[in-house]
Amino acid sequence: MERYCVNMYLHIGKDIVINQKDIVFILNFNSIEENKENEKLLKEIKKKENIIDISNGIQKTIILVKNKELSNWYVTNISTSTLYKRKF
């Protein structure tokens, strides 16, 4: 019996797709305002150089993607609920 490894990808906007197994978390920007710990996290994220902003100024979701040694933060204008629906 042969085994197949199927990778699932998530389209996050601007022709960018990421491997779902590399997603660490997806965070809604509205929830950042409601939680002081998330607010601290956002401040730390903004200090980093590996932020890829594809939101066109309408920031709805931040996604942490890590594969091997590389971590990237994606900021997108697609809502977390829409991304969740695309996941399946």
N, C-alpha and C. Protein backbone atom coordinates (compact mmCIF):
# COMPACT_ATOMS: atom_id res chain seq x y z
N MET A 1 0.84 -1.18 0.00
CA MET A 1 0.00 0.00 0.00
C MET A 1 0.89 1.25 0.00
N GLU A 2 0.64 2.13 -0.93
CA GLU A 2 1.41 3.36 -1.02
C GLU A 2 0.82 4.44 -0.14
N ARG A 3 1.71 5.27 0.43
CA ARG A 3 1.25 6.40 1.23
C ARG A 3 1.52 7.69 0.48
N TYR A 4 0.57 8.57 0.54
CA TYR A 4 0.72 9.85 -0.12
C TYR A 4 0.69 10.95 0.92
N CYS A 5 1.53 11.91 0.74
CA CYS A 5 1.55 13.08 1.62
C CYS A 5 0.88 14.22 0.87
N VAL A 6 -0.22 14.69 1.40
CA VAL A 6 -0.97 15.75 0.75
C VAL A 6 -0.77 17.04 1.53
N ASN A 7 -0.25 18.04 0.87
CA ASN A 7 -0.10 19.35 1.49
C ASN A 7 -1.30 20.21 1.14
N MET A 8 -1.83 20.87 2.16
CA MET A 8 -2.95 21.78 1.94
C MET A 8 -2.42 23.20 2.02
N TYR A 9 -2.88 24.03 1.12
CA TYR A 9 -2.42 25.41 1.06
C TYR A 9 -3.58 26.36 1.30
N LEU A 10 -3.24 27.53 1.84
CA LEU A 10 -4.24 28.55 2.14
C LEU A 10 -3.90 29.82 1.39
N HIS A 11 -4.85 30.32 0.60
CA HIS A 11 -4.67 31.58 -0.12
C HIS A 11 -4.99 32.72 0.85
N ILE A 12 -4.02 33.62 1.09
CA ILE A 12 -4.22 34.70 2.05
C ILE A 12 -4.31 36.07 1.39
N GLY A 13 -4.36 36.11 0.07
CA GLY A 13 -4.51 37.36 -0.65
C GLY A 13 -3.28 37.69 -1.49
N LYS A 14 -3.46 38.56 -2.46
CA LYS A 14 -2.38 39.02 -3.34
C LYS A 14 -1.57 37.87 -3.94
N ASP A 15 -2.25 36.84 -4.38
CA ASP A 15 -1.60 35.68 -5.00
C ASP A 15 -0.60 34.98 -4.10
N ILE A 16 -0.77 35.09 -2.78
CA ILE A 16 0.12 34.42 -1.84
C ILE A 16 -0.63 33.23 -1.23
N VAL A 17 0.00 32.07 -1.34
CA VAL A 17 -0.52 30.86 -0.70
C VAL A 17 0.54 30.34 0.25
N ILE A 18 0.08 29.83 1.39
CA ILE A 18 1.01 29.30 2.36
C ILE A 18 0.59 27.88 2.73
N ASN A 19 1.57 27.07 3.06
CA ASN A 19 1.30 25.70 3.46
C ASN A 19 0.65 25.72 4.83
N GLN A 20 -0.48 25.06 4.97
CA GLN A 20 -1.22 25.10 6.24
C GLN A 20 -0.44 24.50 7.40
N LYS A 21 0.43 23.55 7.12
CA LYS A 21 1.19 22.94 8.21
C LYS A 21 2.21 23.90 8.80
N ASP A 22 2.52 24.99 8.09
CA ASP A 22 3.49 25.98 8.57
C ASP A 22 2.84 27.11 9.37
N ILE A 23 1.52 27.13 9.46
CA ILE A 23 0.82 28.19 10.19
C ILE A 23 0.92 27.92 11.68
N VAL A 24 1.45 28.89 12.42
CA VAL A 24 1.54 28.78 13.87
C VAL A 24 0.25 29.30 14.48
N PHE A 25 -0.18 30.49 14.06
CA PHE A 25 -1.47 31.00 14.50
C PHE A 25 -1.98 32.07 13.56
N ILE A 26 -3.29 32.28 13.66
CA ILE A 26 -3.98 33.34 12.91
C ILE A 26 -4.70 34.17 13.95
N LEU A 27 -4.48 35.48 13.91
CA LEU A 27 -5.03 36.36 14.94
C LEU A 27 -5.80 37.50 14.29
N ASN A 28 -7.01 37.73 14.79
CA ASN A 28 -7.86 38.81 14.32
C ASN A 28 -7.40 40.12 14.95
N PHE A 29 -7.26 41.17 14.15
CA PHE A 29 -6.80 42.46 14.68
C PHE A 29 -7.75 43.04 15.73
N ASN A 30 -9.05 42.78 15.63
CA ASN A 30 -10.00 43.27 16.63
C ASN A 30 -9.71 42.68 18.00
N SER A 31 -9.28 41.44 18.03
CA SER A 31 -9.00 40.79 19.32
C SER A 31 -7.75 41.38 19.97
N ILE A 32 -6.87 41.97 19.18
CA ILE A 32 -5.66 42.60 19.74
C ILE A 32 -6.05 43.77 20.63
N GLU A 33 -7.02 44.54 20.20
CA GLU A 33 -7.46 45.70 20.97
C GLU A 33 -8.15 45.30 22.27
N GLU A 34 -8.70 44.11 22.31
CA GLU A 34 -9.45 43.65 23.48
C GLU A 34 -8.57 43.00 24.54
N ASN A 35 -7.32 42.71 24.22
CA ASN A 35 -6.46 41.95 25.12
C ASN A 35 -5.09 42.62 25.22
N LYS A 36 -4.66 42.96 26.41
CA LYS A 36 -3.38 43.65 26.59
C LYS A 36 -2.19 42.78 26.21
N GLU A 37 -2.29 41.48 26.42
CA GLU A 37 -1.19 40.58 26.03
C GLU A 37 -1.03 40.57 24.51
N ASN A 38 -2.15 40.54 23.80
CA ASN A 38 -2.09 40.60 22.34
C ASN A 38 -1.53 41.93 21.87
N GLU A 39 -1.86 42.99 22.58
CA GLU A 39 -1.36 44.31 22.23
C GLU A 39 0.17 44.35 22.35
N LYS A 40 0.69 43.73 23.41
CA LYS A 40 2.15 43.64 23.58
C LYS A 40 2.77 42.83 22.44
N LEU A 41 2.09 41.75 22.09
CA LEU A 41 2.57 40.92 20.99
C LEU A 41 2.65 41.72 19.70
N LEU A 42 1.64 42.49 19.41
CA LEU A 42 1.62 43.30 18.19
C LEU A 42 2.78 44.30 18.18
N LYS A 43 3.06 44.92 19.30
CA LYS A 43 4.19 45.85 19.38
C LYS A 43 5.50 45.15 19.08
N GLU A 44 5.66 43.94 19.59
CA GLU A 44 6.88 43.17 19.32
C GLU A 44 6.96 42.78 17.84
N ILE A 45 5.84 42.42 17.28
CA ILE A 45 5.80 42.04 15.86
C ILE A 45 6.23 43.21 14.99
N LYS A 46 5.75 44.41 15.32
CA LYS A 46 6.07 45.59 14.51
C LYS A 46 7.55 45.92 14.53
N LYS A 47 8.29 45.45 15.53
CA LYS A 47 9.73 45.68 15.61
C LYS A 47 10.50 44.77 14.66
N LYS A 48 9.88 43.70 14.22
CA LYS A 48 10.56 42.71 13.40
C LYS A 48 10.60 43.16 11.94
N GLU A 49 11.58 42.63 11.24
CA GLU A 49 11.76 42.98 9.83
C GLU A 49 11.04 42.03 8.88
N ASN A 50 10.60 40.92 9.37
CA ASN A 50 10.01 39.91 8.50
C ASN A 50 8.49 39.97 8.45
N ILE A 51 7.97 41.20 8.34
CA ILE A 51 6.53 41.40 8.20
C ILE A 51 6.21 41.63 6.73
N ILE A 52 5.25 40.87 6.24
CA ILE A 52 4.82 41.02 4.85
C ILE A 52 3.39 41.53 4.90
N ASP A 53 3.21 42.81 4.58
CA ASP A 53 1.90 43.45 4.67
C ASP A 53 1.25 43.47 3.30
N ILE A 54 0.20 42.69 3.15
CA ILE A 54 -0.54 42.62 1.89
C ILE A 54 -1.97 43.11 2.09
N SER A 55 -2.16 43.96 3.10
CA SER A 55 -3.51 44.36 3.52
C SER A 55 -4.07 45.57 2.78
N ASN A 56 -3.26 46.27 2.02
CA ASN A 56 -3.71 47.51 1.37
C ASN A 56 -4.28 48.51 2.38
N GLY A 57 -3.71 48.52 3.58
CA GLY A 57 -4.14 49.47 4.59
C GLY A 57 -5.37 49.06 5.39
N ILE A 58 -5.95 47.92 5.06
CA ILE A 58 -7.12 47.42 5.79
C ILE A 58 -6.69 46.16 6.52
N GLN A 59 -6.09 46.33 7.68
CA GLN A 59 -5.52 45.20 8.42
C GLN A 59 -6.60 44.49 9.22
N LYS A 60 -6.87 43.24 8.83
CA LYS A 60 -7.89 42.45 9.51
C LYS A 60 -7.29 41.27 10.26
N THR A 61 -6.23 40.68 9.70
CA THR A 61 -5.70 39.44 10.24
C THR A 61 -4.18 39.44 10.17
N ILE A 62 -3.56 38.85 11.20
CA ILE A 62 -2.12 38.64 11.19
C ILE A 62 -1.88 37.13 11.32
N ILE A 63 -0.95 36.64 10.52
CA ILE A 63 -0.68 35.20 10.46
C ILE A 63 0.81 34.98 10.70
N LEU A 64 1.14 34.10 11.63
CA LEU A 64 2.53 33.71 11.84
C LEU A 64 2.77 32.39 11.11
N VAL A 65 3.76 32.41 10.23
CA VAL A 65 4.10 31.23 9.45
C VAL A 65 5.56 30.89 9.74
N LYS A 66 5.80 29.65 10.10
CA LYS A 66 7.17 29.23 10.39
C LYS A 66 7.45 27.92 9.67
N ASN A 67 8.51 27.93 8.89
CA ASN A 67 8.98 26.70 8.26
C ASN A 67 10.49 26.62 8.43
N LYS A 68 10.92 25.54 9.02
CA LYS A 68 12.32 25.33 9.39
C LYS A 68 12.80 26.46 10.27
N GLU A 69 13.76 27.23 9.84
CA GLU A 69 14.32 28.30 10.67
C GLU A 69 13.72 29.68 10.37
N LEU A 70 12.90 29.78 9.35
CA LEU A 70 12.39 31.06 8.90
C LEU A 70 10.98 31.31 9.43
N SER A 71 10.76 32.50 10.00
CA SER A 71 9.42 32.91 10.44
C SER A 71 9.03 34.17 9.69
N ASN A 72 7.80 34.22 9.24
CA ASN A 72 7.25 35.40 8.59
C ASN A 72 5.92 35.75 9.21
N TRP A 73 5.66 37.03 9.31
CA TRP A 73 4.38 37.55 9.76
C TRP A 73 3.68 38.13 8.54
N TYR A 74 2.48 37.66 8.26
CA TYR A 74 1.69 38.19 7.15
C TYR A 74 0.54 38.99 7.73
N VAL A 75 0.34 40.18 7.18
CA VAL A 75 -0.80 41.01 7.54
C VAL A 75 -1.68 41.07 6.30
N THR A 76 -2.94 40.67 6.46
CA THR A 76 -3.83 40.60 5.31
C THR A 76 -5.16 41.30 5.60
N ASN A 77 -5.86 41.66 4.54
CA ASN A 77 -7.17 42.30 4.68
C ASN A 77 -8.30 41.27 4.61
N ILE A 78 -7.96 40.01 4.65
CA ILE A 78 -8.97 38.95 4.65
C ILE A 78 -9.27 38.58 6.09
N SER A 79 -10.54 38.48 6.43
CA SER A 79 -10.93 38.21 7.82
C SER A 79 -10.56 36.78 8.22
N THR A 80 -10.44 36.60 9.53
CA THR A 80 -10.11 35.27 10.04
C THR A 80 -11.21 34.25 9.70
N SER A 81 -12.46 34.69 9.71
CA SER A 81 -13.55 33.75 9.39
C SER A 81 -13.49 33.31 7.93
N THR A 82 -13.14 34.21 7.03
CA THR A 82 -12.99 33.84 5.62
C THR A 82 -11.82 32.88 5.44
N LEU A 83 -10.71 33.16 6.12
CA LEU A 83 -9.55 32.25 6.02
C LEU A 83 -9.91 30.87 6.55
N TYR A 84 -10.67 30.84 7.64
CA TYR A 84 -11.09 29.55 8.20
C TYR A 84 -11.94 28.78 7.20
N LYS A 85 -12.85 29.45 6.51
CA LYS A 85 -13.69 28.78 5.52
C LYS A 85 -12.86 28.23 4.37
N ARG A 86 -11.79 28.95 3.99
CA ARG A 86 -10.93 28.50 2.90
C ARG A 86 -10.09 27.30 3.29
N LYS A 87 -9.93 27.11 4.57
CA LYS A 87 -9.08 26.05 5.07
C LYS A 87 -9.63 24.66 4.76
N PHE A 88 -10.92 24.55 4.58
CA PHE A 88 -11.53 23.22 4.38
C PHE A 88 -12.05 23.04 2.99
